[in-house]
Amino acid sequence: MIDVAVVGFAEAPCQRHAISTTNGVEMLVPVFQEVLAATGLSKQDIGFWCSGSSDYLAGRAFSFVSAVDAIGAFPPIVESHVEMDAAFALYEAYAKLLTGEAETALVYGFGKSSAGHLRRVLALQLDPYVLAPLWPDSVSIAALQARLGIEAGLFSERAMAEVAVRSRADARSNDRAQVSGESTVDDLLDADYVADPLRAHDCAPVGDGAAAVILAAGDTARRLSPRPAWIDGFAHRVESPGLGQRDLTTSASTAAAGVAAGASGIDVAELHAPFTHQELLLTRALGLGYGTRINPSGGALCANPMFAAGLSRIGHAATAVTTGRADRALGHATSGPALQQNLVCVLEAR
């Protein structure tokens, strides 16, 4: 079995209504430069490239092909793409390295949410026969999930606000906050609802951004990093897109992916939770205890670039390992309405 590790990670600052092209080239070029410089690699050293983005979000066909301009026209590359968060592209690249067809891979994701109507775009991922024709927005669907969780006694609006306060404090300490100023839990609970029971602090701000991760196999990883974040387990599970066909107060796919990936003994967990209540549901599904630090980066709640936020969660989890802040970390990514699809990546130092 070939060992594969994360040896590099970089992300662009997540900005609201950033002035850049919809194909993401301007966002990606400096991110590529940063992650390659950190590992000492050149573009010619990368054996496989894989990306995650959305043509619907970009508003043009084959936008991911245009984004390849950020890599350059020469030399020729081996490249692939998923119409999902780039965390799922990382899964493809991981499988590629396991086959021995490449020793290094660069995975990147990008999204310009401000280019269009994000809530309307996300309705396209719903069941095409029953839900999508109604065009329900993503925040309202999340509010339905939150209401069910509250009525089931799993959490409260105060517990949700506590997640927001902690996430914002962590984001400020990492210079990742998109929300200025400090607020107490009581301050947040005094705000009006956006979609009952969700308030503005319960929802991730819409932002434009990009992220990149470099994978390397075996001795190549050891050469590129003094402390690689070795992938110990990687799993992806899917549930029905029909909201009435699954229990929204649990995340069975997250729990199953966590078991398959061996998610135990976790020091740091980076959870892709664009809504406060989803962090609470994911923590419960993965069985994470008090000894696990949740989203020390501030999480997706404070910087949620579409199609890059999940990859960033794995990148931040890997960084916790490579910097010595954790011996075992978990990166999580989600896609689809109300935590429909979930991916878990367990990383460790060896």
Protein backbone atom coordinates (compact mmCIF):
# COMPACT_ATOMS: atom_id res chain seq x y z
CA MET A 1 0.00 0.00 0.00
CA ILE A 2 1.38 3.39 -1.01
CA ASP A 3 1.45 6.04 1.73
CA VAL A 4 0.12 9.46 0.70
CA ALA A 5 0.45 12.72 2.63
CA VAL A 6 -0.53 16.37 2.43
CA VAL A 7 2.68 18.38 2.11
CA GLY A 8 1.40 21.82 1.12
CA PHE A 9 -1.64 24.07 1.54
CA ALA A 10 -2.53 27.63 0.58
CA GLU A 11 -5.74 29.61 0.27
CA ALA A 12 -6.76 33.00 -1.03
CA PRO A 13 -8.35 35.52 1.33
CA CYS A 14 -12.11 35.03 1.19
CA GLN A 15 -13.66 38.30 0.05
CA ARG A 16 -17.17 39.53 -0.46
CA HIS A 17 -17.90 40.71 -3.99
CA ALA A 18 -14.26 40.53 -5.02
CA ILE A 19 -13.24 42.16 -8.29
CA SER A 20 -11.90 39.25 -10.32
CA THR A 21 -12.89 37.20 -13.33
CA THR A 22 -15.53 34.52 -12.97
CA ASN A 23 -13.09 31.80 -14.13
CA GLY A 24 -10.94 32.25 -11.05
CA VAL A 25 -7.56 32.71 -12.77
CA GLU A 26 -6.68 35.84 -10.79
CA MET A 27 -7.49 34.07 -7.52
CA LEU A 28 -5.58 30.91 -8.42
CA VAL A 29 -2.26 32.30 -9.68
CA PRO A 30 -1.02 33.65 -6.32
CA VAL A 31 -2.35 30.56 -4.51
CA PHE A 32 -0.36 28.28 -6.85
CA GLN A 33 2.73 30.42 -6.35
CA GLU A 34 2.41 30.22 -2.56
CA VAL A 35 1.85 26.47 -2.28
CA LEU A 36 4.57 25.61 -4.79
CA ALA A 37 7.10 27.92 -3.13
CA ALA A 38 6.34 26.38 0.28
CA THR A 39 7.23 22.90 -1.00
CA GLY A 40 10.04 23.92 -3.34
CA LEU A 41 8.25 22.39 -6.30
CA SER A 42 7.72 23.79 -9.77
CA LYS A 43 4.71 23.21 -12.00
CA GLN A 44 6.77 20.68 -13.96
CA ASP A 45 7.15 18.60 -10.78
CA ILE A 46 3.40 18.04 -10.41
CA GLY A 47 2.32 14.68 -11.80
CA PHE A 48 -1.46 15.20 -11.62
CA TRP A 49 -3.76 18.21 -11.36
CA CYS A 50 -7.37 18.03 -10.19
CA SER A 51 -9.88 20.81 -9.57
CA GLY A 52 -13.31 21.43 -8.13
CA SER A 53 -15.64 24.21 -9.22
CA SER A 54 -19.07 24.86 -10.75
CA ASP A 55 -19.97 26.08 -14.22
CA TYR A 56 -23.40 27.10 -12.90
CA LEU A 57 -21.79 29.35 -10.32
CA ALA A 58 -19.32 30.83 -12.80
CA GLY A 59 -22.10 31.42 -15.33
CA ARG A 60 -20.24 29.92 -18.26
CA ALA A 61 -19.69 26.51 -19.83
CA PHE A 62 -16.39 24.75 -19.15
CA SER A 63 -15.20 27.47 -16.78
CA PHE A 64 -12.76 24.97 -15.26
CA VAL A 65 -10.98 24.74 -18.63
CA SER A 66 -10.48 28.50 -18.60
CA ALA A 67 -9.10 28.23 -15.09
CA VAL A 68 -6.32 25.96 -16.39
CA ASP A 69 -4.82 29.20 -17.75
CA ALA A 70 -3.58 29.75 -14.18
CA ILE A 71 -1.38 26.66 -14.60
CA GLY A 72 0.00 27.67 -17.98
CA ALA A 73 -0.10 26.31 -21.51
CA PHE A 74 3.24 24.49 -21.29
CA PRO A 75 4.36 21.92 -20.41
CA PRO A 76 1.33 19.65 -21.03
CA ILE A 77 -0.35 18.36 -17.86
CA VAL A 78 -2.51 15.44 -16.74
CA GLU A 79 -5.67 17.10 -15.44
CA SER A 80 -9.13 16.21 -14.14
CA HIS A 81 -12.11 18.02 -12.63
CA VAL A 82 -15.16 17.47 -10.44
CA GLU A 83 -18.28 19.62 -10.43
CA MET A 84 -18.17 19.70 -6.63
CA ASP A 85 -16.14 21.06 -3.77
CA ALA A 86 -12.45 20.46 -4.40
CA ALA A 87 -12.28 18.18 -1.35
CA PHE A 88 -13.88 15.57 -3.60
CA ALA A 89 -11.22 16.32 -6.22
CA LEU A 90 -8.68 15.59 -3.50
CA TYR A 91 -10.25 12.17 -3.10
CA GLU A 92 -9.74 11.53 -6.82
CA ALA A 93 -6.12 12.68 -6.63
CA TYR A 94 -5.55 10.47 -3.59
CA ALA A 95 -6.81 7.46 -5.57
CA LYS A 96 -4.54 8.45 -8.47
CA LEU A 97 -1.46 8.41 -6.24
CA LEU A 98 -2.48 5.09 -4.72
CA THR A 99 -2.34 3.53 -8.19
CA GLY A 100 1.28 4.64 -8.55
CA GLU A 101 0.52 6.63 -11.72
CA ALA A 102 1.84 9.82 -10.11
CA GLU A 103 3.98 10.76 -7.11
CA THR A 104 2.65 14.29 -6.66
CA ALA A 105 -0.71 15.97 -7.20
CA LEU A 106 -1.96 19.53 -6.88
CA VAL A 107 -5.65 19.90 -6.09
CA TYR A 108 -7.39 23.25 -6.24
CA GLY A 109 -10.86 24.69 -5.91
CA PHE A 110 -12.32 28.10 -6.61
CA GLY A 111 -15.64 29.88 -6.57
CA LYS A 112 -16.94 33.39 -7.16
CA SER A 113 -20.22 33.32 -5.29
CA SER A 114 -20.84 37.03 -5.84
CA ALA A 115 -21.04 36.52 -9.61
CA GLY A 116 -24.68 35.43 -9.44
CA HIS A 117 -27.54 34.48 -7.15
CA LEU A 118 -25.94 31.80 -4.99
CA ARG A 119 -29.09 30.69 -3.20
CA ARG A 120 -30.83 30.17 -6.54
CA VAL A 121 -27.85 28.31 -8.00
CA LEU A 122 -27.78 25.94 -5.04
CA ALA A 123 -31.42 25.04 -5.66
CA LEU A 124 -30.22 23.22 -8.80
CA GLN A 125 -28.69 20.48 -6.63
CA LEU A 126 -32.09 19.53 -5.23
CA ASP A 127 -34.33 16.67 -6.27
CA PRO A 128 -35.34 17.71 -9.82
CA TYR A 129 -38.89 16.34 -9.62
CA VAL A 130 -40.24 17.56 -6.27
CA LEU A 131 -37.95 20.14 -4.66
CA ALA A 132 -36.06 22.00 -7.40
CA PRO A 133 -39.21 23.25 -9.21
CA LEU A 134 -40.15 25.08 -5.98
CA TRP A 135 -36.78 26.93 -5.96
CA PRO A 136 -36.30 26.83 -2.18
CA ASP A 137 -33.18 28.74 -1.14
CA SER A 138 -30.32 27.10 0.74
CA VAL A 139 -30.74 29.18 3.90
CA SER A 140 -34.42 28.25 4.23
CA ILE A 141 -33.57 24.55 3.85
CA ALA A 142 -30.91 24.88 6.54
CA ALA A 143 -33.47 26.64 8.74
CA LEU A 144 -35.82 23.65 8.41
CA GLN A 145 -32.98 21.39 9.55
CA ALA A 146 -32.13 23.67 12.47
CA ARG A 147 -35.76 23.84 13.60
CA LEU A 148 -36.02 20.04 13.59
CA GLY A 149 -32.85 19.79 15.68
CA ILE A 150 -34.10 22.32 18.22
CA GLU A 151 -37.48 20.62 18.56
CA ALA A 152 -35.72 17.26 19.00
CA GLY A 153 -33.79 18.76 21.92
CA LEU A 154 -30.38 18.27 20.29
CA PHE A 155 -29.31 21.91 20.70
CA SER A 156 -30.66 25.39 21.34
CA GLU A 157 -30.41 28.79 19.69
CA ARG A 158 -28.00 29.78 22.49
CA ALA A 159 -25.76 26.80 21.71
CA MET A 160 -25.79 27.86 18.06
CA ALA A 161 -24.81 31.42 19.02
CA GLU A 162 -21.96 30.05 21.16
CA VAL A 163 -20.59 28.31 18.06
CA ALA A 164 -20.66 31.63 16.20
CA VAL A 165 -18.87 33.53 18.97
CA ARG A 166 -16.12 30.93 19.23
CA SER A 167 -15.70 30.66 15.45
CA ARG A 168 -15.41 34.42 15.01
CA ALA A 169 -12.83 34.67 17.80
CA ASP A 170 -10.75 31.91 16.20
CA ALA A 171 -11.09 33.49 12.75
CA ARG A 172 -9.90 36.86 14.08
CA SER A 173 -6.86 35.23 15.67
CA ASN A 174 -6.04 33.73 12.26
CA ASP A 175 -6.85 36.91 10.28
CA ARG A 176 -9.65 35.07 8.47
CA ALA A 177 -12.70 36.91 9.83
CA GLN A 178 -15.19 38.41 7.39
CA VAL A 179 -17.21 39.93 10.23
CA SER A 180 -15.71 42.90 12.08
CA GLY A 181 -16.18 43.65 15.76
CA GLU A 182 -16.86 41.41 18.73
CA SER A 183 -20.29 40.32 19.95
CA THR A 184 -21.45 38.35 22.97
CA VAL A 185 -23.91 35.46 22.79
CA ASP A 186 -26.66 37.71 24.15
CA ASP A 187 -25.89 40.37 21.53
CA LEU A 188 -26.28 37.81 18.75
CA LEU A 189 -29.53 36.44 20.16
CA ASP A 190 -31.02 39.94 20.14
CA ALA A 191 -30.72 40.11 16.35
CA ASP A 192 -33.63 39.47 14.01
CA TYR A 193 -34.13 36.17 12.24
CA VAL A 194 -32.98 35.67 8.66
CA ALA A 195 -34.97 32.45 8.37
CA ASP A 196 -36.38 31.26 11.68
CA PRO A 197 -34.51 29.94 13.71
CA LEU A 198 -31.41 31.17 11.86
CA ARG A 199 -29.99 34.64 12.39
CA ALA A 200 -27.21 36.26 10.36
CA HIS A 201 -24.52 34.87 12.70
CA ASP A 202 -25.79 31.35 12.07
CA CYS A 203 -25.07 31.58 8.34
CA ALA A 204 -21.71 31.73 6.59
CA PRO A 205 -21.19 34.96 4.61
CA VAL A 206 -21.08 34.64 0.83
CA GLY A 207 -17.50 34.97 -0.34
CA ASP A 208 -15.16 34.53 -3.29
CA GLY A 209 -12.00 32.51 -2.83
CA ALA A 210 -9.72 29.63 -3.78
CA ALA A 211 -7.56 26.98 -2.14
CA ALA A 212 -4.88 24.48 -3.17
CA VAL A 213 -3.42 21.36 -1.58
CA ILE A 214 -0.38 19.33 -2.67
CA LEU A 215 -0.31 15.57 -2.14
CA ALA A 216 2.83 13.46 -2.34
CA ALA A 217 3.51 9.75 -2.02
CA GLY A 218 6.06 7.84 0.06
CA ASP A 219 9.65 9.07 0.01
CA THR A 220 8.65 12.09 -2.08
CA ALA A 221 6.44 13.30 0.77
CA ARG A 222 9.24 12.76 3.29
CA ARG A 223 11.61 14.77 1.12
CA LEU A 224 9.18 17.66 0.67
CA SER A 225 8.07 18.05 4.29
CA PRO A 226 9.84 17.49 7.60
CA ARG A 227 6.49 16.44 9.11
CA PRO A 228 4.01 15.29 6.43
CA ALA A 229 0.32 14.93 7.28
CA TRP A 230 -0.17 11.29 6.30
CA ILE A 231 -3.64 10.26 5.16
CA ASP A 232 -4.66 7.43 7.48
CA GLY A 233 -8.25 7.16 6.27
CA PHE A 234 -10.40 8.69 3.53
CA ALA A 235 -14.09 7.96 2.99
CA HIS A 236 -17.13 9.46 1.26
CA ARG A 237 -20.78 8.56 1.81
CA VAL A 238 -24.00 9.81 0.17
CA GLU A 239 -27.61 10.04 1.30
CA SER A 240 -30.84 10.68 -0.60
CA PRO A 241 -31.29 14.20 -1.98
CA GLY A 242 -34.93 13.99 -0.92
CA LEU A 243 -35.33 15.98 2.28
CA GLY A 244 -38.31 13.88 3.34
CA GLN A 245 -36.48 10.61 2.80
CA ARG A 246 -33.88 10.98 5.56
CA ASP A 247 -33.59 12.17 9.14
CA LEU A 248 -32.29 15.74 8.99
CA THR A 249 -31.47 15.75 12.71
CA THR A 250 -28.67 13.26 12.16
CA SER A 251 -26.03 12.81 9.49
CA ALA A 252 -25.86 9.11 8.76
CA SER A 253 -23.45 9.61 5.86
CA THR A 254 -21.02 11.55 8.08
CA ALA A 255 -21.18 8.87 10.75
CA ALA A 256 -20.58 6.11 8.19
CA ALA A 257 -17.72 8.00 6.54
CA GLY A 258 -16.16 8.64 9.93
CA VAL A 259 -16.24 4.96 10.82
CA ALA A 260 -14.83 3.95 7.43
CA ALA A 261 -12.03 6.53 7.72
CA GLY A 262 -11.15 5.51 11.28
CA ALA A 263 -12.06 8.82 12.91
CA SER A 264 -10.90 8.19 16.46
CA GLY A 265 -8.36 9.82 18.74
CA ILE A 266 -8.78 13.16 16.93
CA ASP A 267 -6.92 16.18 18.33
CA VAL A 268 -8.22 18.75 15.82
CA ALA A 269 -11.30 18.57 13.59
CA GLU A 270 -12.00 21.01 10.78
CA LEU A 271 -15.69 20.61 9.94
CA HIS A 272 -17.28 22.05 6.81
CA ALA A 273 -20.31 23.60 8.52
CA PRO A 274 -21.68 26.71 6.79
CA PHE A 275 -24.37 26.95 9.50
CA THR A 276 -23.88 26.89 13.27
CA HIS A 277 -26.31 24.03 13.89
CA GLN A 278 -24.51 21.88 11.30
CA GLU A 279 -21.29 22.02 13.32
CA LEU A 280 -23.23 20.65 16.28
CA LEU A 281 -24.79 17.89 14.17
CA LEU A 282 -21.44 16.93 12.62
CA THR A 283 -19.67 16.86 15.98
CA ARG A 284 -22.35 14.50 17.25
CA ALA A 285 -22.26 12.29 14.13
CA LEU A 286 -18.48 11.87 14.34
CA GLY A 287 -18.53 11.24 18.08
CA LEU A 288 -15.99 13.98 18.77
CA GLY A 289 -15.38 14.54 22.47
CA TYR A 290 -14.23 17.45 24.62
CA GLY A 291 -10.61 16.59 23.90
CA THR A 292 -11.05 17.55 20.24
CA ARG A 293 -10.51 21.15 19.14
CA ILE A 294 -13.26 22.04 16.65
CA ASN A 295 -12.51 24.45 13.80
CA PRO A 296 -9.54 26.34 15.29
CA SER A 297 -9.24 28.14 11.94
CA GLY A 298 -12.68 29.69 12.40
CA GLY A 299 -14.20 27.21 9.99
CA ALA A 300 -16.46 27.68 7.00
CA LEU A 301 -18.82 29.74 9.15
CA CYS A 302 -16.38 32.66 8.88
CA ALA A 303 -15.03 32.07 5.34
CA ASN A 304 -17.06 29.90 3.00
CA PRO A 305 -15.82 30.20 -0.60
CA MET A 306 -18.02 27.83 -2.57
CA PHE A 307 -16.21 24.79 -3.98
CA ALA A 308 -13.05 25.57 -2.00
CA ALA A 309 -14.23 25.63 1.64
CA GLY A 310 -14.22 21.84 2.00
CA LEU A 311 -10.72 21.57 0.59
CA SER A 312 -9.63 24.30 2.99
CA ARG A 313 -10.94 22.25 5.91
CA ILE A 314 -8.63 19.40 4.94
CA GLY A 315 -5.82 21.88 4.33
CA HIS A 316 -6.19 23.44 7.78
CA ALA A 317 -6.41 19.99 9.40
CA ALA A 318 -3.21 18.99 7.62
CA THR A 319 -1.52 22.22 8.72
CA ALA A 320 -2.34 21.39 12.35
CA VAL A 321 -0.38 18.16 11.87
CA THR A 322 2.56 19.57 9.89
CA THR A 323 3.07 22.38 12.43
CA GLY A 324 2.97 20.00 15.39
CA ARG A 325 -0.25 21.38 16.87
CA ALA A 326 -1.89 17.98 16.43
CA ASP A 327 -0.77 14.40 16.02
CA ARG A 328 -4.07 13.30 14.51
CA ALA A 329 -6.53 15.59 12.74
CA LEU A 330 -9.75 15.29 10.76
CA GLY A 331 -10.85 17.25 7.72
CA HIS A 332 -14.50 17.15 6.64
CA ALA A 333 -16.32 18.38 3.56
CA THR A 334 -19.99 18.39 2.65
CA SER A 335 -22.02 18.89 -0.50
CA GLY A 336 -25.70 18.93 -1.30
CA PRO A 337 -28.68 20.16 0.73
CA ALA A 338 -28.70 19.73 4.51
CA LEU A 339 -25.51 17.64 4.74
CA GLN A 340 -26.50 15.20 1.98
CA GLN A 341 -22.98 14.12 0.97
CA ASN A 342 -20.08 13.96 3.39
CA LEU A 343 -16.38 13.21 3.09
CA VAL A 344 -13.99 12.53 5.98
CA CYS A 345 -10.20 12.60 5.76
CA VAL A 346 -8.11 11.52 8.76
CA LEU A 347 -4.51 12.76 8.84
CA GLU A 348 -1.71 11.88 11.23
CA ALA A 349 1.96 12.41 12.00
CA ARG A 350 4.23 9.38 11.87
